[in-house]
C-alpha atoms as a PDB file:
ATOM      1  CA  UNK A   1     114.196 108.701  77.428  1.00  0.00           C
ATOM      2  CA  UNK A   2     117.030 107.576  79.661  1.00  0.00           C
ATOM      3  CA  UNK A   3     117.320 108.587  83.322  1.00  0.00           C
ATOM      4  CA  UNK A   4     120.887 108.800  84.609  1.00  0.00           C
ATOM      5  CA  UNK A   5     121.127 109.746  88.263  1.00  0.00           C
ATOM      6  CA  UNK A   6     124.053 110.568  90.479  1.00  0.00           C
ATOM      7  CA  UNK A   7     123.743 111.624  94.051  1.00  0.00           C
ATOM      8  CA  UNK A   8     126.441 112.279  96.558  1.00  0.00           C
ATOM      9  CA  UNK A   9     126.561 111.871 100.297  1.00  0.00           C
ATOM     10  CA  UNK A  10     129.647 112.043 102.447  1.00  0.00           C
ATOM     11  CA  UNK A  11     128.737 109.198 104.805  1.00  0.00           C
ATOM     12  CA  UNK A  12     127.667 106.414 102.425  1.00  0.00           C
ATOM     13  CA  UNK A  13     129.807 103.791 100.783  1.00  0.00           C
ATOM     14  CA  UNK A  14     129.510 103.529  97.004  1.00  0.00           C
ATOM     15  CA  UNK A  15     128.388  99.901  96.869  1.00  0.00           C
ATOM     16  CA  UNK A  16     126.030 100.099  99.861  1.00  0.00           C
ATOM     17  CA  UNK A  17     124.010 103.013  98.457  1.00  0.00           C
ATOM     18  CA  UNK A  18     124.008 101.582  94.942  1.00  0.00           C
ATOM     19  CA  UNK A  19     122.489  98.334  96.182  1.00  0.00           C
ATOM     20  CA  UNK A  20     119.861 100.091  98.281  1.00  0.00           C
ATOM     21  CA  UNK A  21     118.557 102.595  95.768  1.00  0.00           C
ATOM     22  CA  UNK A  22     119.803 101.097  92.507  1.00  0.00           C
ATOM     23  CA  UNK A  23     121.435 104.427  91.709  1.00  0.00           C
ATOM     24  CA  UNK A  24     125.120 105.050  91.188  1.00  0.00           C
ATOM     25  CA  UNK A  25     126.755 106.980  93.978  1.00  0.00           C
ATOM     26  CA  UNK A  26     129.893 108.976  94.474  1.00  0.00           C
ATOM     27  CA  UNK A  27     131.325 110.598  97.562  1.00  0.00           C
ATOM     28  CA  UNK A  28     131.766 114.316  98.184  1.00  0.00           C
ATOM     29  CA  UNK A  29     132.137 116.451 101.275  1.00  0.00           C
ATOM     30  CA  UNK A  30     128.847 118.136 102.080  1.00  0.00           C
ATOM     31  CA  UNK A  31     126.720 119.082 105.029  1.00  0.00           C
ATOM     32  CA  UNK A  32     125.744 115.727 106.595  1.00  0.00           C
ATOM     33  CA  UNK A  33     122.082 116.782 106.616  1.00  0.00           C
ATOM     34  CA  UNK A  34     122.023 117.430 102.879  1.00  0.00           C
ATOM     35  CA  UNK A  35     122.941 115.363  99.901  1.00  0.00           C
ATOM     36  CA  UNK A  36     123.063 116.448  96.281  1.00  0.00           C
ATOM     37  CA  UNK A  37     121.038 114.669  93.653  1.00  0.00           C
ATOM     38  CA  UNK A  38     121.716 115.445  89.997  1.00  0.00           C
ATOM     39  CA  UNK A  39     119.151 114.213  87.526  1.00  0.00           C
ATOM     40  CA  UNK A  40     119.948 114.176  83.828  1.00  0.00           C
ATOM     41  CA  UNK A  41     117.014 113.560  81.508  1.00  0.00           C
ATOM     42  CA  UNK A  42     118.100 113.040  77.959  1.00  0.00           C
ATOM     43  CA  UNK A  43     117.310 111.160  74.761  1.00  0.00           C
ATOM     44  CA  UNK A  44     119.103 107.827  74.566  1.00  0.00           C
ATOM     45  CA  UNK A  45     121.763 108.982  72.062  1.00  0.00           C
ATOM     46  CA  UNK A  46     122.413 112.467  73.503  1.00  0.00           C
ATOM     47  CA  UNK A  47     125.968 113.453  74.418  1.00  0.00           C
ATOM     48  CA  UNK A  48     126.645 114.576  77.986  1.00  0.00           C
ATOM     49  CA  UNK A  49     127.028 118.203  76.859  1.00  0.00           C
ATOM     50  CA  UNK A  50     123.413 118.145  75.604  1.00  0.00           C
ATOM     51  CA  UNK A  51     121.969 116.949  78.922  1.00  0.00           C
ATOM     52  CA  UNK A  52     120.303 119.588  81.132  1.00  0.00           C
ATOM     53  CA  UNK A  53     121.044 119.239  84.840  1.00  0.00           C
ATOM     54  CA  UNK A  54     118.343 119.787  87.434  1.00  0.00           C
ATOM     55  CA  UNK A  55     119.526 119.719  91.023  1.00  0.00           C
ATOM     56  CA  UNK A  56     117.623 118.459  94.027  1.00  0.00           C
ATOM     57  CA  UNK A  57     118.868 118.392  97.592  1.00  0.00           C
ATOM     58  CA  UNK A  58     117.876 116.007 100.321  1.00  0.00           C
ATOM     59  CA  UNK A  59     117.301 117.563 103.754  1.00  0.00           C
ATOM     60  CA  UNK A  60     116.967 115.324 106.816  1.00  0.00           C
ATOM     61  CA  UNK A  61     114.653 117.615 108.741  1.00  0.00           C
ATOM     62  CA  UNK A  62     110.971 117.702 109.703  1.00  0.00           C
ATOM     63  CA  UNK A  63     109.059 120.104 107.437  1.00  0.00           C
ATOM     64  CA  UNK A  64     107.293 123.167 108.785  1.00  0.00           C
ATOM     65  CA  UNK A  65     103.518 123.008 109.202  1.00  0.00           C
ATOM     66  CA  UNK A  66     102.960 125.047 106.040  1.00  0.00           C
ATOM     67  CA  UNK A  67     105.376 122.972 103.946  1.00  0.00           C
ATOM     68  CA  UNK A  68     103.886 119.734 105.286  1.00  0.00           C
ATOM     69  CA  UNK A  69     100.340 120.806 104.404  1.00  0.00           C
ATOM     70  CA  UNK A  70     101.342 122.048 100.945  1.00  0.00           C
ATOM     71  CA  UNK A  71     103.240 118.851 100.099  1.00  0.00           C
ATOM     72  CA  UNK A  72     100.388 116.604 101.218  1.00  0.00           C
ATOM     73  CA  UNK A  73      97.751 118.454  99.199  1.00  0.00           C
ATOM     74  CA  UNK A  74     100.041 119.141  96.223  1.00  0.00           C
ATOM     75  CA  UNK A  75     100.892 115.458  95.905  1.00  0.00           C
ATOM     76  CA  UNK A  76      97.288 114.271  96.086  1.00  0.00           C
ATOM     77  CA  UNK A  77      97.164 113.211  99.746  1.00  0.00           C
ATOM     78  CA  UNK A  78      94.443 114.424 102.114  1.00  0.00           C
ATOM     79  CA  UNK A  79      94.874 117.749 103.876  1.00  0.00           C
ATOM     80  CA  UNK A  80      95.665 118.061 107.576  1.00  0.00           C
ATOM     81  CA  UNK A  81      94.585 120.905 109.849  1.00  0.00           C
ATOM     82  CA  UNK A  82      97.015 123.322 111.478  1.00  0.00           C
ATOM     83  CA  UNK A  83      96.214 121.738 114.848  1.00  0.00           C
ATOM     84  CA  UNK A  84      96.857 118.176 113.641  1.00  0.00           C
ATOM     85  CA  UNK A  85     100.142 119.128 111.961  1.00  0.00           C
ATOM     86  CA  UNK A  86     101.298 121.164 114.981  1.00  0.00           C
ATOM     87  CA  UNK A  87     100.686 118.186 117.270  1.00  0.00           C
ATOM     88  CA  UNK A  88     102.035 115.494 114.973  1.00  0.00           C
ATOM     89  CA  UNK A  89     105.156 116.877 113.309  1.00  0.00           C
ATOM     90  CA  UNK A  90     107.233 117.313 116.501  1.00  0.00           C
ATOM     91  CA  UNK A  91     106.691 113.601 117.202  1.00  0.00           C
ATOM     92  CA  UNK A  92     108.424 112.476 113.996  1.00  0.00           C
ATOM     93  CA  UNK A  93     111.149 109.909 114.644  1.00  0.00           C
ATOM     94  CA  UNK A  94     112.699 110.635 111.251  1.00  0.00           C
ATOM     95  CA  UNK A  95     111.885 112.986 108.389  1.00  0.00           C
ATOM     96  CA  UNK A  96     113.328 113.693 104.970  1.00  0.00           C
ATOM     97  CA  UNK A  97     112.531 116.483 102.516  1.00  0.00           C
ATOM     98  CA  UNK A  98     113.519 116.821  98.872  1.00  0.00           C
ATOM     99  CA  UNK A  99     114.248 120.395  97.799  1.00  0.00           C
ATOM    100  CA  UNK A 100     114.370 121.739  94.254  1.00  0.00           C
ATOM    101  CA  UNK A 101     116.541 124.780  94.753  1.00  0.00           C
ATOM    102  CA  UNK A 102     115.136 126.130  98.009  1.00  0.00           C
ATOM    103  CA  UNK A 103     111.596 124.831  97.329  1.00  0.00           C
ATOM    104  CA  UNK A 104     110.433 121.635  99.114  1.00  0.00           C
ATOM    105  CA  UNK A 105     108.949 119.257  96.518  1.00  0.00           C
ATOM    106  CA  UNK A 106     108.850 115.945  98.418  1.00  0.00           C
ATOM    107  CA  UNK A 107     108.915 114.409 101.884  1.00  0.00           C
ATOM    108  CA  UNK A 108     108.566 111.281 103.968  1.00  0.00           C
ATOM    109  CA  UNK A 109     108.421 110.559 107.695  1.00  0.00           C
ATOM    110  CA  UNK A 110     108.679 107.722 110.199  1.00  0.00           C
ATOM    111  CA  UNK A 111     106.519 107.866 113.313  1.00  0.00           C
ATOM    112  CA  UNK A 112     106.058 105.474 116.233  1.00  0.00           C
ATOM    113  CA  UNK A 113     107.155 104.725 119.770  1.00  0.00           C
ATOM    114  CA  UNK A 114     110.865 104.559 118.973  1.00  0.00           C
ATOM    115  CA  UNK A 115     111.304 100.957 120.089  1.00  0.00           C
ATOM    116  CA  UNK A 116     108.579  98.476 119.227  1.00  0.00           C
ATOM    117  CA  UNK A 117     106.499 100.050 116.468  1.00  0.00           C
ATOM    118  CA  UNK A 118     107.361 102.293 113.527  1.00  0.00           C
ATOM    119  CA  UNK A 119     105.164 103.489 110.677  1.00  0.00           C
ATOM    120  CA  UNK A 120     106.281 105.027 107.399  1.00  0.00           C
ATOM    121  CA  UNK A 121     103.958 107.913 106.531  1.00  0.00           C
ATOM    122  CA  UNK A 122     103.597 111.010 104.368  1.00  0.00           C
ATOM    123  CA  UNK A 123     105.513 109.799 101.311  1.00  0.00           C
ATOM    124  CA  UNK A 124     104.675 112.738  99.056  1.00  0.00           C
ATOM    125  CA  UNK A 125     106.119 114.286  95.897  1.00  0.00           C
ATOM    126  CA  UNK A 126     104.486 117.263  94.185  1.00  0.00           C
ATOM    127  CA  UNK A 127     102.770 116.184  90.979  1.00  0.00           C
ATOM    128  CA  UNK A 128     105.052 118.217  88.705  1.00  0.00           C
ATOM    129  CA  UNK A 129     108.127 116.480  90.187  1.00  0.00           C
ATOM    130  CA  UNK A 130     106.771 112.928  90.111  1.00  0.00           C
ATOM    131  CA  UNK A 131     108.348 110.322  87.834  1.00  0.00           C
ATOM    132  CA  UNK A 132     111.929 111.510  88.496  1.00  0.00           C
ATOM    133  CA  UNK A 133     112.941 108.965  91.133  1.00  0.00           C
ATOM    134  CA  UNK A 134     112.292 111.248  94.099  1.00  0.00           C
ATOM    135  CA  UNK A 135     110.018 108.710  95.814  1.00  0.00           C
ATOM    136  CA  UNK A 136     112.870 106.199  95.604  1.00  0.00           C
ATOM    137  CA  UNK A 137     115.247 108.737  97.099  1.00  0.00           C
ATOM    138  CA  UNK A 138     112.838 109.388  99.978  1.00  0.00           C
ATOM    139  CA  UNK A 139     112.361 105.677 100.603  1.00  0.00           C
ATOM    140  CA  UNK A 140     116.120 105.115 100.399  1.00  0.00           C
ATOM    141  CA  UNK A 141     116.676 107.597 103.232  1.00  0.00           C
ATOM    142  CA  UNK A 142     113.856 106.046 105.254  1.00  0.00           C
ATOM    143  CA  UNK A 143     115.276 102.549 104.730  1.00  0.00           C
ATOM    144  CA  UNK A 144     118.660 103.777 105.912  1.00  0.00           C
ATOM    145  CA  UNK A 145     117.022 105.046 109.117  1.00  0.00           C
ATOM    146  CA  UNK A 146     115.146 101.750 109.581  1.00  0.00           C
ATOM    147  CA  UNK A 147     118.257  99.645 109.071  1.00  0.00           C
ATOM    148  CA  UNK A 148     120.389 101.697 111.458  1.00  0.00           C
ATOM    149  CA  UNK A 149     117.945 102.849 114.146  1.00  0.00           C
ATOM    150  CA  UNK A 150     115.125 100.311 114.496  1.00  0.00           C
ATOM    151  CA  UNK A 151     115.744  97.459 116.975  1.00  0.00           C
ATOM    152  CA  UNK A 152     115.719  93.958 115.484  1.00  0.00           C
ATOM    153  CA  UNK A 153     112.325  93.180 117.058  1.00  0.00           C
ATOM    154  CA  UNK A 154     110.819  96.515 115.933  1.00  0.00           C
ATOM    155  CA  UNK A 155     107.779  96.228 113.664  1.00  0.00           C
ATOM    156  CA  UNK A 156     107.835  98.606 110.683  1.00  0.00           C
ATOM    157  CA  UNK A 157     104.645  99.089 108.684  1.00  0.00           C
ATOM    158  CA  UNK A 158     102.984 101.383 106.187  1.00  0.00           C
ATOM    159  CA  UNK A 159      99.728 101.751 104.307  1.00  0.00           C
ATOM    160  CA  UNK A 160     100.231 101.635 100.535  1.00  0.00           C
ATOM    161  CA  UNK A 161      97.842 103.621  98.355  1.00  0.00           C
ATOM    162  CA  UNK A 162      97.309 102.113  94.897  1.00  0.00           C
ATOM    163  CA  UNK A 163     100.416 101.669  92.759  1.00  0.00           C
ATOM    164  CA  UNK A 164     102.686 103.043  95.509  1.00  0.00           C
ATOM    165  CA  UNK A 165     102.845  99.451  96.752  1.00  0.00           C
ATOM    166  CA  UNK A 166     105.225  98.716  93.863  1.00  0.00           C
ATOM    167  CA  UNK A 167     107.638 101.383  95.131  1.00  0.00           C
ATOM    168  CA  UNK A 168     107.497 100.070  98.695  1.00  0.00           C
ATOM    169  CA  UNK A 169     108.057  96.481  97.553  1.00  0.00           C
ATOM    170  CA  UNK A 170     111.405  97.579  96.072  1.00  0.00           C
ATOM    171  CA  UNK A 171     112.476  98.443  99.627  1.00  0.00           C
ATOM    172  CA  UNK A 172     111.468  95.154 101.242  1.00  0.00           C
ATOM    173  CA  UNK A 173     107.875  95.860 102.254  1.00  0.00           C
ATOM    174  CA  UNK A 174     105.471  92.945 101.713  1.00  0.00           C
ATOM    175  CA  UNK A 175     101.710  92.488 101.870  1.00  0.00           C
ATOM    176  CA  UNK A 176     100.493  91.305 105.270  1.00  0.00           C
ATOM    177  CA  UNK A 177      97.044  90.118 104.088  1.00  0.00           C
ATOM    178  CA  UNK A 178      95.331  87.769 104.539  1.00  0.00           C
ATOM    179  CA  UNK A 179      97.066  87.060 107.868  1.00  0.00           C
ATOM    180  CA  UNK A 180      96.523  90.662 108.920  1.00  0.00           C
ATOM    181  CA  UNK A 181      94.920  93.656 107.245  1.00  0.00           C
ATOM    182  CA  UNK A 182      95.180  97.395 107.808  1.00  0.00           C
ATOM    183  CA  UNK A 183      92.180  99.032 109.406  1.00  0.00           C
ATOM    184  CA  UNK A 184      91.360 102.675 110.098  1.00  0.00           C
ATOM    185  CA  UNK A 185      88.960 104.239 112.564  1.00  0.00           C
ATOM    186  CA  UNK A 186      86.182 106.157 110.833  1.00  0.00           C
ATOM    187  CA  UNK A 187      84.642 108.859 113.001  1.00  0.00           C
ATOM    188  CA  UNK A 188      80.853 108.888 113.087  1.00  0.00           C
ATOM    189  CA  UNK A 189      79.446 112.034 111.510  1.00  0.00           C
ATOM    190  CA  UNK A 190      77.373 114.230 113.830  1.00  0.00           C
ATOM    191  CA  UNK A 191      73.651 114.033 113.134  1.00  0.00           C
ATOM    192  CA  UNK A 192      72.312 116.958 111.132  1.00  0.00           C
ATOM    193  CA  UNK A 193      70.271 119.291 113.312  1.00  0.00           C
END
């Protein structure tokens, strides 16, 4: 199988986007919050008339609580309560969603203090849409935000689960161990009564 991808965005230069995401780009006039991604999956020797076209759109907007929860669980990440999502989502510094038609199928966010510290979180693509380059598209949008909005001294980090570290490495993220390691607070469980 060969994967040919074209996506269009009205505010990106052809060479700049190609080098960031390793996808070919062309320019079209569209809503600046959306960009069109056309994915053509075809056998190596298929003619262009034989290639089905599935369209995805990229929306630079924080997902709703329900969409956020569904994308996390549907992609294999842990669930978050209504209360946690309601508190956390409005504090996103940047968010991107991938839509298939009108249906959200992927997302990613950047959180932090807006000056010194930034963390990439919630990189999620529904299982049935994985393997189509959507994670790269999400990370490409996040990298664009980092490169244009994060001060030079800002520290950008993420926690990589399993093989996702290979995706993040393509966007300039490196292991920090052994010099520093990620740690998480684990709440003590209440004693059984």
